[in-house]
Amino acid sequence: MTNQAVLQREIETLPIQYYGEVVDFIGYLRHKAQQTAIKTSSQEQIRERELECINCHADELNSEMADILLDQSLDI
């Protein structure tokens, strides 16, 4: 049995005067889940753009790092 089925069964056993509160709480949970999904999606998009930027400049960055390491090895 799924958690959703268990929850549904438990909700059905509540007195009718609590249904409004249950509906409000479920609405709150739905809103929080949507906000979490939006935040996660935004973070993933930011990571993807940063990775694209790094990959776009990877050859240049690697060349600069090689020059720095070469300079450091010559100073020793």
PDB file of N, CA and C in Angstrom:
ATOM      1  N   MET A   1       0.852  -1.182   0.000  1.00  0.00           N
ATOM      2  CA  MET A   1       0.000   0.000   0.000  1.00  0.00           C
ATOM      3  C   MET A   1       0.896   1.243   0.000  1.00  0.00           C
ATOM      4  N   THR A   2       0.544   2.223  -0.793  1.00  0.00           N
ATOM      5  CA  THR A   2       1.364   3.426  -0.897  1.00  0.00           C
ATOM      6  C   THR A   2       1.074   4.372   0.259  1.00  0.00           C
ATOM      7  N   ASN A   3       2.017   5.285   0.489  1.00  0.00           N
ATOM      8  CA  ASN A   3       1.802   6.292   1.524  1.00  0.00           C
ATOM      9  C   ASN A   3       0.582   7.144   1.210  1.00  0.00           C
ATOM     10  N   GLN A   4       0.342   7.387  -0.069  1.00  0.00           N
ATOM     11  CA  GLN A   4      -0.812   8.186  -0.470  1.00  0.00           C
ATOM     12  C   GLN A   4      -2.110   7.471  -0.078  1.00  0.00           C
ATOM     13  N   ALA A   5      -2.161   6.176  -0.283  1.00  0.00           N
ATOM     14  CA  ALA A   5      -3.360   5.419   0.079  1.00  0.00           C
ATOM     15  C   ALA A   5      -3.572   5.427   1.587  1.00  0.00           C
ATOM     16  N   VAL A   6      -2.497   5.274   2.336  1.00  0.00           N
ATOM     17  CA  VAL A   6      -2.580   5.310   3.797  1.00  0.00           C
ATOM     18  C   VAL A   6      -3.066   6.683   4.248  1.00  0.00           C
ATOM     19  N   LEU A   7      -2.500   7.726   3.671  1.00  0.00           N
ATOM     20  CA  LEU A   7      -2.908   9.085   4.022  1.00  0.00           C
ATOM     21  C   LEU A   7      -4.383   9.307   3.686  1.00  0.00           C
ATOM     22  N   GLN A   8      -4.809   8.857   2.514  1.00  0.00           N
ATOM     23  CA  GLN A   8      -6.205   8.997   2.106  1.00  0.00           C
ATOM     24  C   GLN A   8      -7.125   8.310   3.107  1.00  0.00           C
ATOM     25  N   ARG A   9      -6.765   7.116   3.520  1.00  0.00           N
ATOM     26  CA  ARG A   9      -7.582   6.370   4.479  1.00  0.00           C
ATOM     27  C   ARG A   9      -7.658   7.105   5.815  1.00  0.00           C
ATOM     28  N   GLU A  10      -6.527   7.667   6.258  1.00  0.00           N
ATOM     29  CA  GLU A  10      -6.505   8.402   7.518  1.00  0.00           C
ATOM     30  C   GLU A  10      -7.345   9.675   7.437  1.00  0.00           C
ATOM     31  N   ILE A  11      -7.266  10.372   6.306  1.00  0.00           N
ATOM     32  CA  ILE A  11      -8.050  11.597   6.125  1.00  0.00           C
ATOM     33  C   ILE A  11      -9.542  11.270   6.176  1.00  0.00           C
ATOM     34  N   GLU A  12      -9.915  10.168   5.579  1.00  0.00           N
ATOM     35  CA  GLU A  12     -11.321   9.780   5.550  1.00  0.00           C
ATOM     36  C   GLU A  12     -11.873   9.468   6.936  1.00  0.00           C
ATOM     37  N   THR A  13     -10.999   9.157   7.891  1.00  0.00           N
ATOM     38  CA  THR A  13     -11.467   8.858   9.248  1.00  0.00           C
ATOM     39  C   THR A  13     -11.613  10.119  10.099  1.00  0.00           C
ATOM     40  N   LEU A  14     -11.184  11.262   9.594  1.00  0.00           N
ATOM     41  CA  LEU A  14     -11.292  12.513  10.360  1.00  0.00           C
ATOM     42  C   LEU A  14     -12.738  12.995  10.422  1.00  0.00           C
ATOM     43  N   PRO A  15     -13.077  13.636  11.532  1.00  0.00           N
ATOM     44  CA  PRO A  15     -14.407  14.260  11.591  1.00  0.00           C
ATOM     45  C   PRO A  15     -14.529  15.347  10.517  1.00  0.00           C
ATOM     46  N   ILE A  16     -15.721  15.553  10.020  1.00  0.00           N
ATOM     47  CA  ILE A  16     -15.967  16.457   8.892  1.00  0.00           C
ATOM     48  C   ILE A  16     -15.512  17.883   9.178  1.00  0.00           C
ATOM     49  N   GLN A  17     -15.536  18.318  10.424  1.00  0.00           N
ATOM     50  CA  GLN A  17     -15.156  19.703  10.727  1.00  0.00           C
ATOM     51  C   GLN A  17     -13.664  19.973  10.450  1.00  0.00           C
ATOM     52  N   TYR A  18     -12.861  18.928  10.285  1.00  0.00           N
ATOM     53  CA  TYR A  18     -11.438  19.110  10.016  1.00  0.00           C
ATOM     54  C   TYR A  18     -11.110  19.113   8.518  1.00  0.00           C
ATOM     55  N   TYR A  19     -12.078  18.811   7.669  1.00  0.00           N
ATOM     56  CA  TYR A  19     -11.809  18.727   6.233  1.00  0.00           C
ATOM     57  C   TYR A  19     -11.251  20.031   5.662  1.00  0.00           C
ATOM     58  N   GLY A  20     -11.790  21.163   6.092  1.00  0.00           N
ATOM     59  CA  GLY A  20     -11.288  22.457   5.601  1.00  0.00           C
ATOM     60  C   GLY A  20      -9.819  22.644   5.921  1.00  0.00           C
ATOM     61  N   GLU A  21      -9.427  22.271   7.141  1.00  0.00           N
ATOM     62  CA  GLU A  21      -8.023  22.381   7.543  1.00  0.00           C
ATOM     63  C   GLU A  21      -7.144  21.420   6.731  1.00  0.00           C
ATOM     64  N   VAL A  22      -7.664  20.245   6.473  1.00  0.00           N
ATOM     65  CA  VAL A  22      -6.909  19.258   5.684  1.00  0.00           C
ATOM     66  C   VAL A  22      -6.704  19.776   4.268  1.00  0.00           C
ATOM     67  N   VAL A  23      -7.759  20.328   3.683  1.00  0.00           N
ATOM     68  CA  VAL A  23      -7.655  20.880   2.331  1.00  0.00           C
ATOM     69  C   VAL A  23      -6.644  22.017   2.303  1.00  0.00           C
ATOM     70  N   ASP A  24      -6.685  22.898   3.314  1.00  0.00           N
ATOM     71  CA  ASP A  24      -5.715  23.996   3.396  1.00  0.00           C
ATOM     72  C   ASP A  24      -4.293  23.457   3.529  1.00  0.00           C
ATOM     73  N   PHE A  25      -4.116  22.434   4.357  1.00  0.00           N
ATOM     74  CA  PHE A  25      -2.789  21.860   4.568  1.00  0.00           C
ATOM     75  C   PHE A  25      -2.270  21.207   3.289  1.00  0.00           C
ATOM     76  N   ILE A  26      -3.129  20.501   2.585  1.00  0.00           N
ATOM     77  CA  ILE A  26      -2.725  19.874   1.322  1.00  0.00           C
ATOM     78  C   ILE A  26      -2.358  20.947   0.304  1.00  0.00           C
ATOM     79  N   GLY A  27      -3.119  22.036   0.278  1.00  0.00           N
ATOM     80  CA  GLY A  27      -2.783  23.154  -0.604  1.00  0.00           C
ATOM     81  C   GLY A  27      -1.420  23.740  -0.257  1.00  0.00           C
ATOM     82  N   TYR A  28      -1.151  23.869   1.052  1.00  0.00           N
ATOM     83  CA  TYR A  28       0.152  24.367   1.506  1.00  0.00           C
ATOM     84  C   TYR A  28       1.272  23.432   1.049  1.00  0.00           C
ATOM     85  N   LEU A  29       1.073  22.124   1.230  1.00  0.00           N
ATOM     86  CA  LEU A  29       2.094  21.151   0.816  1.00  0.00           C
ATOM     87  C   LEU A  29       2.326  21.201  -0.689  1.00  0.00           C
ATOM     88  N   ARG A  30       1.254  21.342  -1.457  1.00  0.00           N
ATOM     89  CA  ARG A  30       1.368  21.434  -2.907  1.00  0.00           C
ATOM     90  C   ARG A  30       2.175  22.673  -3.300  1.00  0.00           C
ATOM     91  N   HIS A  31       1.885  23.798  -2.632  1.00  0.00           N
ATOM     92  CA  HIS A  31       2.610  25.050  -2.905  1.00  0.00           C
ATOM     93  C   HIS A  31       4.097  24.889  -2.574  1.00  0.00           C
ATOM     94  N   LYS A  32       4.406  24.294  -1.423  1.00  0.00           N
ATOM     95  CA  LYS A  32       5.814  24.096  -1.033  1.00  0.00           C
ATOM     96  C   LYS A  32       6.527  23.186  -2.027  1.00  0.00           C
ATOM     97  N   ALA A  33       5.845  22.153  -2.506  1.00  0.00           N
ATOM     98  CA  ALA A  33       6.450  21.240  -3.476  1.00  0.00           C
ATOM     99  C   ALA A  33       6.739  21.970  -4.785  1.00  0.00           C
ATOM    100  N   GLN A  34       5.823  22.831  -5.204  1.00  0.00           N
ATOM    101  CA  GLN A  34       6.036  23.607  -6.430  1.00  0.00           C
ATOM    102  C   GLN A  34       7.210  24.560  -6.270  1.00  0.00           C
ATOM    103  N   GLN A  35       7.292  25.229  -5.116  1.00  0.00           N
ATOM    104  CA  GLN A  35       8.387  26.157  -4.864  1.00  0.00           C
ATOM    105  C   GLN A  35       9.732  25.429  -4.852  1.00  0.00           C
ATOM    106  N   THR A  36       9.758  24.248  -4.254  1.00  0.00           N
ATOM    107  CA  THR A  36      10.982  23.450  -4.222  1.00  0.00           C
ATOM    108  C   THR A  36      11.382  23.031  -5.631  1.00  0.00           C
ATOM    109  N   ALA A  37      10.407  22.633  -6.443  1.00  0.00           N
ATOM    110  CA  ALA A  37      10.698  22.230  -7.824  1.00  0.00           C
ATOM    111  C   ALA A  37      11.240  23.403  -8.629  1.00  0.00           C
ATOM    112  N   ILE A  38      10.657  24.583  -8.437  1.00  0.00           N
ATOM    113  CA  ILE A  38      11.126  25.777  -9.147  1.00  0.00           C
ATOM    114  C   ILE A  38      12.544  26.114  -8.726  1.00  0.00           C
ATOM    115  N   LYS A  39      12.807  26.066  -7.419  1.00  0.00           N
ATOM    116  CA  LYS A  39      14.144  26.392  -6.906  1.00  0.00           C
ATOM    117  C   LYS A  39      15.178  25.403  -7.438  1.00  0.00           C
ATOM    118  N   THR A  40      14.839  24.119  -7.411  1.00  0.00           N
ATOM    119  CA  THR A  40      15.744  23.088  -7.913  1.00  0.00           C
ATOM    120  C   THR A  40      16.015  23.288  -9.393  1.00  0.00           C
ATOM    121  N   SER A  41      14.973  23.579 -10.144  1.00  0.00           N
ATOM    122  CA  SER A  41      15.118  23.806 -11.580  1.00  0.00           C
ATOM    123  C   SER A  41      16.013  25.008 -11.845  1.00  0.00           C
ATOM    124  N   SER A  42      15.821  26.078 -11.080  1.00  0.00           N
ATOM    125  CA  SER A  42      16.639  27.281 -11.247  1.00  0.00           C
ATOM    126  C   SER A  42      18.105  26.990 -10.945  1.00  0.00           C
ATOM    127  N   GLN A  43      18.356  26.251  -9.879  1.00  0.00           N
ATOM    128  CA  GLN A  43      19.735  25.909  -9.516  1.00  0.00           C
ATOM    129  C   GLN A  43      20.383  25.046 -10.590  1.00  0.00           C
ATOM    130  N   GLU A  44      19.631  24.115 -11.152  1.00  0.00           N
ATOM    131  CA  GLU A  44      20.169  23.269 -12.213  1.00  0.00           C
ATOM    132  C   GLU A  44      20.479  24.091 -13.459  1.00  0.00           C
ATOM    133  N   GLN A  45      19.613  25.059 -13.775  1.00  0.00           N
ATOM    134  CA  GLN A  45      19.858  25.918 -14.931  1.00  0.00           C
ATOM    135  C   GLN A  45      21.107  26.765 -14.720  1.00  0.00           C
ATOM    136  N   ILE A  46      21.298  27.278 -13.512  1.00  0.00           N
ATOM    137  CA  ILE A  46      22.495  28.070 -13.206  1.00  0.00           C
ATOM    138  C   ILE A  46      23.741  27.212 -13.367  1.00  0.00           C
ATOM    139  N   ARG A  47      23.708  25.978 -12.815  1.00  0.00           N
ATOM    140  CA  ARG A  47      24.852  25.072 -12.945  1.00  0.00           C
ATOM    141  C   ARG A  47      25.149  24.766 -14.406  1.00  0.00           C
ATOM    142  N   GLU A  48      24.108  24.547 -15.195  1.00  0.00           N
ATOM    143  CA  GLU A  48      24.301  24.252 -16.619  1.00  0.00           C
ATOM    144  C   GLU A  48      24.945  25.433 -17.340  1.00  0.00           C
ATOM    145  N   ARG A  49      24.487  26.660 -17.043  1.00  0.00           N
ATOM    146  CA  ARG A  49      25.075  27.841 -17.695  1.00  0.00           C
ATOM    147  C   ARG A  49      26.533  28.020 -17.270  1.00  0.00           C
ATOM    148  N   GLU A  50      26.828  27.795 -15.984  1.00  0.00           N
ATOM    149  CA  GLU A  50      28.205  27.923 -15.514  1.00  0.00           C
ATOM    150  C   GLU A  50      29.099  26.886 -16.180  1.00  0.00           C
ATOM    151  N   LEU A  51      28.601  25.666 -16.298  1.00  0.00           N
ATOM    152  CA  LEU A  51      29.382  24.608 -16.941  1.00  0.00           C
ATOM    153  C   LEU A  51      29.614  24.910 -18.412  1.00  0.00           C
ATOM    154  N   GLU A  52      28.594  25.433 -19.085  1.00  0.00           N
ATOM    155  CA  GLU A  52      28.758  25.832 -20.486  1.00  0.00           C
ATOM    156  C   GLU A  52      29.833  26.906 -20.617  1.00  0.00           C
ATOM    157  N   CYS A  53      29.823  27.867 -19.702  1.00  0.00           N
ATOM    158  CA  CYS A  53      30.805  28.953 -19.731  1.00  0.00           C
ATOM    159  C   CYS A  53      32.213  28.406 -19.509  1.00  0.00           C
ATOM    160  N   ILE A  54      32.355  27.528 -18.533  1.00  0.00           N
ATOM    161  CA  ILE A  54      33.664  26.936 -18.253  1.00  0.00           C
ATOM    162  C   ILE A  54      34.141  26.132 -19.462  1.00  0.00           C
ATOM    163  N   ASN A  55      33.269  25.306 -20.010  1.00  0.00           N
ATOM    164  CA  ASN A  55      33.648  24.490 -21.167  1.00  0.00           C
ATOM    165  C   ASN A  55      33.982  25.347 -22.379  1.00  0.00           C
ATOM    166  N   CYS A  56      33.262  26.452 -22.527  1.00  0.00           N
ATOM    167  CA  CYS A  56      33.513  27.348 -23.648  1.00  0.00           C
ATOM    168  C   CYS A  56      34.929  27.930 -23.581  1.00  0.00           C
ATOM    169  N   HIS A  57      35.403  28.174 -22.366  1.00  0.00           N
ATOM    170  CA  HIS A  57      36.715  28.804 -22.178  1.00  0.00           C
ATOM    171  C   HIS A  57      37.773  27.818 -21.678  1.00  0.00           C
ATOM    172  N   ALA A  58      37.468  26.523 -21.723  1.00  0.00           N
ATOM    173  CA  ALA A  58      38.360  25.515 -21.153  1.00  0.00           C
ATOM    174  C   ALA A  58      39.749  25.541 -21.778  1.00  0.00           C
ATOM    175  N   ASP A  59      39.847  25.606 -23.096  1.00  0.00           N
ATOM    176  CA  ASP A  59      41.156  25.607 -23.746  1.00  0.00           C
ATOM    177  C   ASP A  59      41.989  26.809 -23.304  1.00  0.00           C
ATOM    178  N   GLU A  60      41.345  27.977 -23.262  1.00  0.00           N
ATOM    179  CA  GLU A  60      42.052  29.193 -22.829  1.00  0.00           C
ATOM    180  C   GLU A  60      42.493  29.078 -21.375  1.00  0.00           C
ATOM    181  N   LEU A  61      41.608  28.591 -20.518  1.00  0.00           N
ATOM    182  CA  LEU A  61      41.953  28.447 -19.096  1.00  0.00           C
ATOM    183  C   LEU A  61      43.070  27.427 -18.909  1.00  0.00           C
ATOM    184  N   ASN A  62      43.016  26.311 -19.631  1.00  0.00           N
ATOM    185  CA  ASN A  62      44.066  25.296 -19.530  1.00  0.00           C
ATOM    186  C   ASN A  62      45.413  25.840 -20.014  1.00  0.00           C
ATOM    187  N   SER A  63      45.387  26.622 -21.074  1.00  0.00           N
ATOM    188  CA  SER A  63      46.619  27.214 -21.590  1.00  0.00           C
ATOM    189  C   SER A  63      47.227  28.175 -20.571  1.00  0.00           C
ATOM    190  N   GLU A  64      46.375  29.010 -19.975  1.00  0.00           N
ATOM    191  CA  GLU A  64      46.865  29.945 -18.955  1.00  0.00           C
ATOM    192  C   GLU A  64      47.435  29.194 -17.761  1.00  0.00           C
ATOM    193  N   MET A  65      46.758  28.122 -17.337  1.00  0.00           N
ATOM    194  CA  MET A  65      47.247  27.354 -16.197  1.00  0.00           C
ATOM    195  C   MET A  65      48.581  26.688 -16.532  1.00  0.00           C
ATOM    196  N   ALA A  66      48.730  26.203 -17.734  1.00  0.00           N
ATOM    197  CA  ALA A  66      49.999  25.593 -18.148  1.00  0.00           C
ATOM    198  C   ALA A  66      51.116  26.629 -18.108  1.00  0.00           C
ATOM    199  N   ASP A  67      50.837  27.857 -18.558  1.00  0.00           N
ATOM    200  CA  ASP A  67      51.830  28.929 -18.507  1.00  0.00           C
ATOM    201  C   ASP A  67      52.218  29.250 -17.071  1.00  0.00           C
ATOM    202  N   ILE A  68      51.247  29.304 -16.189  1.00  0.00           N
ATOM    203  CA  ILE A  68      51.512  29.606 -14.767  1.00  0.00           C
ATOM    204  C   ILE A  68      52.373  28.515 -14.157  1.00  0.00           C
ATOM    205  N   LEU A  69      52.023  27.258 -14.420  1.00  0.00           N
ATOM    206  CA  LEU A  69      52.807  26.153 -13.868  1.00  0.00           C
ATOM    207  C   LEU A  69      54.213  26.136 -14.426  1.00  0.00           C
ATOM    208  N   LEU A  70      54.364  26.461 -15.689  1.00  0.00           N
ATOM    209  CA  LEU A  70      55.689  26.532 -16.299  1.00  0.00           C
ATOM    210  C   LEU A  70      56.514  27.632 -15.646  1.00  0.00           C
ATOM    211  N   ASP A  71      55.901  28.807 -15.456  1.00  0.00           N
ATOM    212  CA  ASP A  71      56.597  29.914 -14.793  1.00  0.00           C
ATOM    213  C   ASP A  71      57.012  29.535 -13.383  1.00  0.00           C
ATOM    214  N   GLN A  72      56.159  28.842 -12.655  1.00  0.00           N
ATOM    215  CA  GLN A  72      56.479  28.439 -11.278  1.00  0.00           C
ATOM    216  C   GLN A  72      57.633  27.434 -11.275  1.00  0.00           C
ATOM    217  N   SER A  73      57.646  26.534 -12.222  1.00  0.00           N
ATOM    218  CA  SER A  73      58.702  25.527 -12.254  1.00  0.00           C
ATOM    219  C   SER A  73      60.046  26.159 -12.623  1.00  0.00           C
ATOM    220  N   LEU A  74      60.011  27.236 -13.427  1.00  0.00           N
ATOM    221  CA  LEU A  74      61.248  27.929 -13.789  1.00  0.00           C
ATOM    222  C   LEU A  74      61.808  28.736 -12.636  1.00  0.00           C
ATOM    223  N   ASP A  75      60.931  29.160 -11.710  1.00  0.00           N
ATOM    224  CA  ASP A  75      61.364  29.963 -10.565  1.00  0.00           C
ATOM    225  C   ASP A  75      62.048  29.111  -9.506  1.00  0.00           C
ATOM    226  N   ILE A  76      61.883  27.804  -9.552  1.00  0.00           N
ATOM    227  CA  ILE A  76      62.450  26.941  -8.516  1.00  0.00           C
ATOM    228  C   ILE A  76      63.895  26.680  -8.727  1.00  0.00           C
TER     229      ILE A  76
END
